[in-house]
Amino acid sequence: MRTSHALLLRLFHDPRCDKNHVSVWYIDRGADNNKSHVVGSNIKELSNYYMEIVSGGGTKCIPYHRILAILYKDSVIWERYQYHSP
């Protein structure tokens, strides 16, 4: 099974994929249902340990272990086993 990090790297670096079609759902403590999502155009960096996203005029680091699901063109292509699609 491919990790969420490896899959995001592929989506962002494969010329056949468009990062603007990527959506990532993640655990966000304090948000509605403790879940938020970010679209690919707002993902600034994919480091070894977290993805850095543009959020509220600043940036926020989301560790990969908080990722719940990755969607491409509105289809789930990766999800953590306990996650249920929105």
Protein backbone atom coordinates (compact mmCIF):
# COMPACT_ATOMS: atom_id res chain seq x y z
CA MET A 1 0.00 0.00 0.00
CA ARG A 2 1.30 3.42 -0.96
CA THR A 3 1.62 5.98 1.84
CA SER A 4 -0.24 9.27 1.69
CA HIS A 5 3.09 11.10 1.38
CA ALA A 6 4.25 8.96 -1.55
CA LEU A 7 0.92 9.39 -3.32
CA LEU A 8 0.95 13.17 -2.88
CA LEU A 9 4.50 13.32 -4.25
CA ARG A 10 3.38 11.40 -7.32
CA LEU A 11 0.33 13.61 -7.86
CA PHE A 12 2.42 16.76 -7.58
CA HIS A 13 5.35 15.64 -9.75
CA ASP A 14 3.77 13.41 -12.40
CA PRO A 15 3.14 15.55 -15.50
CA ARG A 16 -0.02 13.51 -16.22
CA CYS A 17 -1.60 14.71 -12.95
CA ASP A 18 -2.95 18.17 -12.20
CA LYS A 19 -2.51 19.23 -8.57
CA ASN A 20 -5.51 21.54 -8.94
CA HIS A 21 -7.73 18.42 -8.94
CA VAL A 22 -6.31 17.16 -5.61
CA SER A 23 -8.20 17.55 -2.33
CA VAL A 24 -6.84 16.34 1.01
CA TRP A 25 -9.04 15.77 4.08
CA TYR A 26 -7.23 15.84 7.40
CA ILE A 27 -7.76 15.90 11.16
CA ASP A 28 -8.04 19.52 12.29
CA ARG A 29 -8.76 19.76 15.99
CA GLY A 30 -11.30 22.49 16.70
CA ALA A 31 -12.81 22.49 13.20
CA ASP A 32 -16.31 21.18 12.49
CA ASN A 33 -16.22 17.43 13.20
CA ASN A 34 -12.45 17.87 13.73
CA LYS A 35 -11.96 17.61 9.93
CA SER A 36 -10.84 20.09 7.29
CA HIS A 37 -9.69 19.85 3.71
CA VAL A 38 -7.29 21.65 1.45
CA VAL A 39 -7.17 21.81 -2.33
CA GLY A 40 -3.95 21.06 -4.14
CA SER A 41 -3.33 24.66 -5.19
CA ASN A 42 -3.08 25.58 -1.47
CA ILE A 43 -0.47 22.94 -0.68
CA LYS A 44 2.78 24.87 -0.57
CA GLU A 45 5.31 22.13 0.23
CA LEU A 46 5.54 18.37 0.77
CA SER A 47 8.35 17.77 3.25
CA ASN A 48 9.38 14.38 4.64
CA TYR A 49 7.17 14.74 7.72
CA TYR A 50 4.32 17.11 6.88
CA MET A 51 2.60 19.08 4.14
CA GLU A 52 2.67 22.84 4.45
CA ILE A 53 -0.57 24.52 3.43
CA VAL A 54 -1.71 28.09 2.91
CA SER A 55 -4.39 28.79 5.50
CA GLY A 56 -6.00 32.04 6.60
CA GLY A 57 -3.30 34.30 5.15
CA GLY A 58 -0.47 32.28 6.70
CA THR A 59 0.83 28.75 6.51
CA LYS A 60 0.12 25.66 8.59
CA CYS A 61 1.97 22.33 8.80
CA ILE A 62 -0.12 19.16 8.69
CA PRO A 63 1.69 15.93 9.64
CA TYR A 64 0.96 13.05 7.25
CA HIS A 65 -0.45 10.89 10.06
CA ARG A 66 -3.39 13.35 10.25
CA ILE A 67 -4.41 12.80 6.63
CA LEU A 68 -7.75 11.03 6.38
CA ALA A 69 -8.30 10.87 2.62
CA ILE A 70 -6.91 12.05 -0.71
CA LEU A 71 -9.30 12.72 -3.56
CA TYR A 72 -8.46 13.26 -7.22
CA LYS A 73 -11.19 14.70 -9.43
CA ASP A 74 -13.64 14.11 -6.56
CA SER A 75 -12.86 10.37 -6.38
CA VAL A 76 -11.25 8.88 -3.27
CA ILE A 77 -7.88 7.43 -4.28
CA TRP A 78 -6.46 6.93 -0.78
CA GLU A 79 -8.10 6.80 2.62
CA ARG A 80 -7.23 5.84 6.15
CA TYR A 81 -9.22 2.77 7.17
CA GLN A 82 -11.44 4.52 9.74
CA TYR A 83 -12.28 7.50 7.51
CA HIS A 84 -15.71 7.87 5.92
CA SER A 85 -15.97 10.11 2.87
CA PRO A 86 -17.72 13.47 3.35
